Amino acid sequence: MGLELLLPVMILALIALMFFQSSKQRKAMKDLQEMQASLAVGDQVLTTSGLHATVVSVAEESLVLEIAPGVRTQWDRRVIREKLDPGTSPGSAAGTDGAGS
């Protein structure tokens, strides 16, 4: 009699896990879209391709990014993966400060 209940309980557990995972994913997507919508001139950003840049101008669907002094390119807003802290500069990832060398 216990085995007859095992399959329905396992199915319900699987459905619950799928629901919780999808709600986490929706929240992460919403947070990403809010960050992309809040981008402003002067923000330091990282694109999905790993490019560090500074936002120079903002349009409804696109951004102009300065990737080097005087080098500006136009990008879709959706390629921005994260907004970097003002103190973070390209190439200053943790562990690359040259200490110990």
N, C-alpha and C. Protein backbone atom coordinates (compact mmCIF):
# COMPACT_ATOMS: atom_id res chain seq x y z
N MET A 1 0.82 -1.18 0.00
CA MET A 1 0.00 0.00 0.00
C MET A 1 0.87 1.26 0.00
N GLY A 2 2.05 1.22 0.62
CA GLY A 2 2.93 2.36 0.65
C GLY A 2 3.52 2.69 -0.71
N LEU A 3 3.77 1.64 -1.52
CA LEU A 3 4.33 1.86 -2.86
C LEU A 3 3.34 2.51 -3.80
N GLU A 4 2.06 2.33 -3.55
CA GLU A 4 1.03 2.95 -4.40
C GLU A 4 1.02 4.46 -4.25
N LEU A 5 1.45 4.95 -3.09
CA LEU A 5 1.48 6.39 -2.86
C LEU A 5 2.81 7.01 -3.26
N LEU A 6 3.83 6.20 -3.46
CA LEU A 6 5.17 6.72 -3.74
C LEU A 6 5.23 7.49 -5.06
N LEU A 7 4.66 6.97 -6.12
CA LEU A 7 4.70 7.64 -7.41
C LEU A 7 3.99 9.01 -7.39
N PRO A 8 2.77 9.11 -6.86
CA PRO A 8 2.13 10.44 -6.81
C PRO A 8 2.90 11.44 -5.94
N VAL A 9 3.47 10.97 -4.84
CA VAL A 9 4.24 11.86 -3.97
C VAL A 9 5.50 12.34 -4.70
N MET A 10 6.17 11.46 -5.41
CA MET A 10 7.37 11.84 -6.17
C MET A 10 7.01 12.83 -7.27
N ILE A 11 5.90 12.64 -7.94
CA ILE A 11 5.46 13.57 -8.99
C ILE A 11 5.17 14.94 -8.40
N LEU A 12 4.48 14.98 -7.26
CA LEU A 12 4.19 16.26 -6.60
C LEU A 12 5.47 16.96 -6.16
N ALA A 13 6.44 16.19 -5.65
CA ALA A 13 7.72 16.78 -5.24
C ALA A 13 8.45 17.36 -6.45
N LEU A 14 8.43 16.66 -7.56
CA LEU A 14 9.08 17.14 -8.78
C LEU A 14 8.41 18.43 -9.28
N ILE A 15 7.10 18.48 -9.25
CA ILE A 15 6.38 19.68 -9.68
C ILE A 15 6.72 20.84 -8.77
N ALA A 16 6.79 20.62 -7.46
CA ALA A 16 7.13 21.69 -6.52
C ALA A 16 8.55 22.20 -6.78
N LEU A 17 9.50 21.31 -7.00
CA LEU A 17 10.88 21.73 -7.30
C LEU A 17 10.94 22.54 -8.58
N MET A 18 10.21 22.11 -9.61
CA MET A 18 10.19 22.85 -10.87
C MET A 18 9.60 24.24 -10.67
N PHE A 19 8.55 24.36 -9.86
CA PHE A 19 7.93 25.65 -9.60
C PHE A 19 8.90 26.59 -8.90
N PHE A 20 9.58 26.10 -7.85
CA PHE A 20 10.51 26.96 -7.11
C PHE A 20 11.68 27.39 -7.98
N GLN A 21 12.17 26.50 -8.83
CA GLN A 21 13.28 26.85 -9.72
C GLN A 21 12.84 27.91 -10.73
N SER A 22 11.67 27.77 -11.28
CA SER A 22 11.22 28.74 -12.27
C SER A 22 10.95 30.10 -11.62
N SER A 23 10.50 30.12 -10.37
CA SER A 23 10.26 31.40 -9.71
C SER A 23 11.59 32.10 -9.42
N LYS A 24 12.63 31.36 -9.08
CA LYS A 24 13.97 31.95 -8.89
C LYS A 24 14.48 32.54 -10.20
N GLN A 25 14.28 31.80 -11.27
CA GLN A 25 14.74 32.25 -12.58
C GLN A 25 13.98 33.51 -13.02
N ARG A 26 12.68 33.56 -12.77
CA ARG A 26 11.90 34.76 -13.11
C ARG A 26 12.38 35.97 -12.32
N LYS A 27 12.69 35.78 -11.05
CA LYS A 27 13.16 36.88 -10.22
C LYS A 27 14.51 37.39 -10.71
N ALA A 28 15.41 36.46 -11.06
CA ALA A 28 16.73 36.86 -11.57
C ALA A 28 16.58 37.62 -12.89
N MET A 29 15.69 37.19 -13.76
CA MET A 29 15.47 37.86 -15.03
C MET A 29 14.88 39.25 -14.81
N LYS A 30 13.95 39.37 -13.87
CA LYS A 30 13.35 40.66 -13.56
C LYS A 30 14.41 41.62 -13.02
N ASP A 31 15.27 41.15 -12.13
CA ASP A 31 16.34 41.99 -11.58
C ASP A 31 17.29 42.46 -12.69
N LEU A 32 17.63 41.56 -13.61
CA LEU A 32 18.51 41.92 -14.72
C LEU A 32 17.87 42.98 -15.61
N GLN A 33 16.60 42.82 -15.92
CA GLN A 33 15.90 43.79 -16.76
C GLN A 33 15.80 45.15 -16.08
N GLU A 34 15.58 45.16 -14.75
CA GLU A 34 15.52 46.43 -14.02
C GLU A 34 16.88 47.12 -14.05
N MET A 35 17.96 46.35 -13.89
CA MET A 35 19.31 46.93 -13.94
C MET A 35 19.58 47.52 -15.32
N GLN A 36 19.21 46.77 -16.38
CA GLN A 36 19.42 47.26 -17.74
C GLN A 36 18.61 48.52 -18.02
N ALA A 37 17.42 48.62 -17.46
CA ALA A 37 16.59 49.79 -17.66
C ALA A 37 17.10 51.01 -16.89
N SER A 38 17.86 50.77 -15.82
CA SER A 38 18.32 51.87 -14.97
C SER A 38 19.70 52.40 -15.37
N LEU A 39 20.27 51.91 -16.46
CA LEU A 39 21.60 52.36 -16.87
C LEU A 39 21.59 53.85 -17.20
N ALA A 40 22.66 54.53 -16.80
CA ALA A 40 22.76 55.96 -17.03
C ALA A 40 24.16 56.29 -17.55
N VAL A 41 24.31 57.48 -18.11
CA VAL A 41 25.60 57.94 -18.62
C VAL A 41 26.62 57.92 -17.49
N GLY A 42 27.79 57.39 -17.77
CA GLY A 42 28.86 57.32 -16.79
C GLY A 42 28.97 56.00 -16.07
N ASP A 43 27.96 55.12 -16.20
CA ASP A 43 28.02 53.82 -15.54
C ASP A 43 29.09 52.94 -16.17
N GLN A 44 29.81 52.23 -15.34
CA GLN A 44 30.76 51.23 -15.81
C GLN A 44 30.00 49.92 -15.93
N VAL A 45 30.10 49.25 -17.10
CA VAL A 45 29.32 48.04 -17.33
C VAL A 45 30.20 46.92 -17.87
N LEU A 46 29.65 45.71 -17.78
CA LEU A 46 30.28 44.52 -18.35
C LEU A 46 29.25 43.88 -19.26
N THR A 47 29.63 43.62 -20.52
CA THR A 47 28.70 43.01 -21.47
C THR A 47 28.74 41.50 -21.35
N THR A 48 27.81 40.84 -22.01
CA THR A 48 27.75 39.38 -21.99
C THR A 48 28.97 38.76 -22.67
N SER A 49 29.65 39.53 -23.52
CA SER A 49 30.85 39.02 -24.18
C SER A 49 32.12 39.32 -23.38
N GLY A 50 31.96 39.93 -22.19
CA GLY A 50 33.11 40.19 -21.33
C GLY A 50 33.79 41.52 -21.55
N LEU A 51 33.17 42.41 -22.29
CA LEU A 51 33.75 43.72 -22.59
C LEU A 51 33.45 44.71 -21.48
N HIS A 52 34.47 45.34 -20.92
CA HIS A 52 34.31 46.39 -19.92
C HIS A 52 34.20 47.72 -20.66
N ALA A 53 33.22 48.54 -20.28
CA ALA A 53 33.02 49.80 -20.99
C ALA A 53 32.32 50.81 -20.10
N THR A 54 32.26 52.04 -20.59
CA THR A 54 31.57 53.13 -19.91
C THR A 54 30.41 53.59 -20.78
N VAL A 55 29.24 53.78 -20.18
CA VAL A 55 28.05 54.24 -20.92
C VAL A 55 28.25 55.72 -21.26
N VAL A 56 28.16 56.05 -22.56
CA VAL A 56 28.35 57.42 -23.02
C VAL A 56 27.01 58.08 -23.33
N SER A 57 26.10 57.32 -23.95
CA SER A 57 24.76 57.85 -24.19
C SER A 57 23.76 56.72 -24.11
N VAL A 58 22.52 57.09 -23.79
CA VAL A 58 21.46 56.11 -23.56
C VAL A 58 20.29 56.44 -24.47
N ALA A 59 19.81 55.43 -25.21
CA ALA A 59 18.59 55.55 -26.00
C ALA A 59 17.60 54.52 -25.47
N GLU A 60 16.43 54.46 -26.07
CA GLU A 60 15.40 53.55 -25.56
C GLU A 60 15.83 52.09 -25.62
N GLU A 61 16.37 51.65 -26.74
CA GLU A 61 16.75 50.25 -26.92
C GLU A 61 18.25 50.02 -27.01
N SER A 62 19.05 51.07 -27.10
CA SER A 62 20.48 50.89 -27.29
C SER A 62 21.29 51.84 -26.42
N LEU A 63 22.58 51.54 -26.35
CA LEU A 63 23.52 52.35 -25.59
C LEU A 63 24.75 52.58 -26.45
N VAL A 64 25.41 53.70 -26.23
CA VAL A 64 26.72 53.91 -26.84
C VAL A 64 27.72 53.72 -25.71
N LEU A 65 28.65 52.78 -25.93
CA LEU A 65 29.65 52.45 -24.93
C LEU A 65 31.01 52.91 -25.39
N GLU A 66 31.80 53.46 -24.47
CA GLU A 66 33.18 53.83 -24.77
C GLU A 66 34.05 52.70 -24.24
N ILE A 67 34.71 51.99 -25.17
CA ILE A 67 35.50 50.84 -24.78
C ILE A 67 36.98 51.17 -24.61
N ALA A 68 37.39 52.32 -25.12
CA ALA A 68 38.74 52.85 -24.95
C ALA A 68 38.61 54.36 -25.18
N PRO A 69 39.58 55.13 -24.72
CA PRO A 69 39.47 56.58 -24.93
C PRO A 69 39.26 56.93 -26.41
N GLY A 70 38.12 57.54 -26.70
CA GLY A 70 37.80 57.94 -28.07
C GLY A 70 37.19 56.86 -28.93
N VAL A 71 37.04 55.62 -28.43
CA VAL A 71 36.47 54.52 -29.21
C VAL A 71 35.07 54.23 -28.68
N ARG A 72 34.06 54.56 -29.47
CA ARG A 72 32.67 54.39 -29.06
C ARG A 72 31.95 53.43 -29.99
N THR A 73 31.16 52.57 -29.41
CA THR A 73 30.39 51.59 -30.19
C THR A 73 28.96 51.55 -29.67
N GLN A 74 28.04 51.19 -30.55
CA GLN A 74 26.63 51.14 -30.18
C GLN A 74 26.24 49.70 -29.89
N TRP A 75 25.53 49.48 -28.78
CA TRP A 75 25.15 48.14 -28.33
C TRP A 75 23.67 48.13 -27.95
N ASP A 76 23.07 46.98 -28.07
CA ASP A 76 21.71 46.77 -27.57
C ASP A 76 21.76 46.70 -26.05
N ARG A 77 20.75 47.23 -25.39
CA ARG A 77 20.71 47.23 -23.92
C ARG A 77 20.79 45.83 -23.33
N ARG A 78 20.23 44.86 -24.03
CA ARG A 78 20.12 43.51 -23.49
C ARG A 78 21.46 42.79 -23.37
N VAL A 79 22.54 43.34 -23.93
CA VAL A 79 23.84 42.67 -23.81
C VAL A 79 24.58 43.05 -22.54
N ILE A 80 24.04 43.97 -21.76
CA ILE A 80 24.69 44.37 -20.52
C ILE A 80 24.40 43.31 -19.46
N ARG A 81 25.47 42.68 -18.96
CA ARG A 81 25.32 41.62 -17.98
C ARG A 81 25.29 42.17 -16.56
N GLU A 82 26.14 43.18 -16.28
CA GLU A 82 26.15 43.76 -14.94
C GLU A 82 26.71 45.16 -14.94
N LYS A 83 26.31 45.90 -13.93
CA LYS A 83 26.82 47.25 -13.72
C LYS A 83 27.94 47.11 -12.70
N LEU A 84 29.11 47.65 -13.03
CA LEU A 84 30.27 47.53 -12.15
C LEU A 84 30.29 48.68 -11.15
N ASP A 85 30.94 48.45 -10.01
CA ASP A 85 31.13 49.50 -9.02
C ASP A 85 32.04 50.57 -9.60
N PRO A 86 31.85 51.84 -9.19
CA PRO A 86 32.69 52.93 -9.72
C PRO A 86 34.19 52.70 -9.51
N GLY A 87 34.57 52.01 -8.45
CA GLY A 87 35.99 51.77 -8.17
C GLY A 87 36.59 50.64 -9.00
N THR A 88 35.75 49.87 -9.68
CA THR A 88 36.22 48.73 -10.46
C THR A 88 36.66 49.20 -11.84
N SER A 89 37.88 48.86 -12.20
CA SER A 89 38.36 49.22 -13.54
C SER A 89 38.66 47.94 -14.30
N PRO A 90 38.67 48.00 -15.62
CA PRO A 90 38.96 46.80 -16.42
C PRO A 90 40.30 46.20 -16.02
N GLY A 91 40.29 44.88 -15.84
CA GLY A 91 41.53 44.18 -15.50
C GLY A 91 41.84 44.17 -14.02
N SER A 92 40.97 44.69 -13.18
CA SER A 92 41.26 44.72 -11.74
C SER A 92 40.50 43.63 -11.00
N ALA A 93 40.41 42.47 -11.61
CA ALA A 93 39.71 41.36 -10.98
C ALA A 93 40.47 40.91 -9.73
N ALA A 94 39.75 40.27 -8.83
CA ALA A 94 40.36 39.83 -7.57
C ALA A 94 41.52 38.87 -7.87
N GLY A 95 42.62 39.05 -7.17
CA GLY A 95 43.75 38.16 -7.33
C GLY A 95 44.72 38.60 -8.40
N THR A 96 44.49 39.72 -9.05
CA THR A 96 45.40 40.16 -10.11
C THR A 96 46.10 41.45 -9.73
N ASP A 97 46.31 41.66 -8.43
CA ASP A 97 46.93 42.92 -7.98
C ASP A 97 48.44 42.89 -8.05
N GLY A 98 49.02 41.77 -8.44
CA GLY A 98 50.46 41.70 -8.60
C GLY A 98 51.19 41.38 -7.32
N ALA A 99 50.49 41.23 -6.21
CA ALA A 99 51.15 40.92 -4.95
C ALA A 99 51.74 39.53 -4.99
N GLY A 100 52.94 39.40 -4.46
CA GLY A 100 53.59 38.10 -4.41
C GLY A 100 54.38 37.77 -5.66
N SER A 101 54.46 38.67 -6.59
CA SER A 101 55.20 38.39 -7.83
C SER A 101 56.55 39.04 -7.79
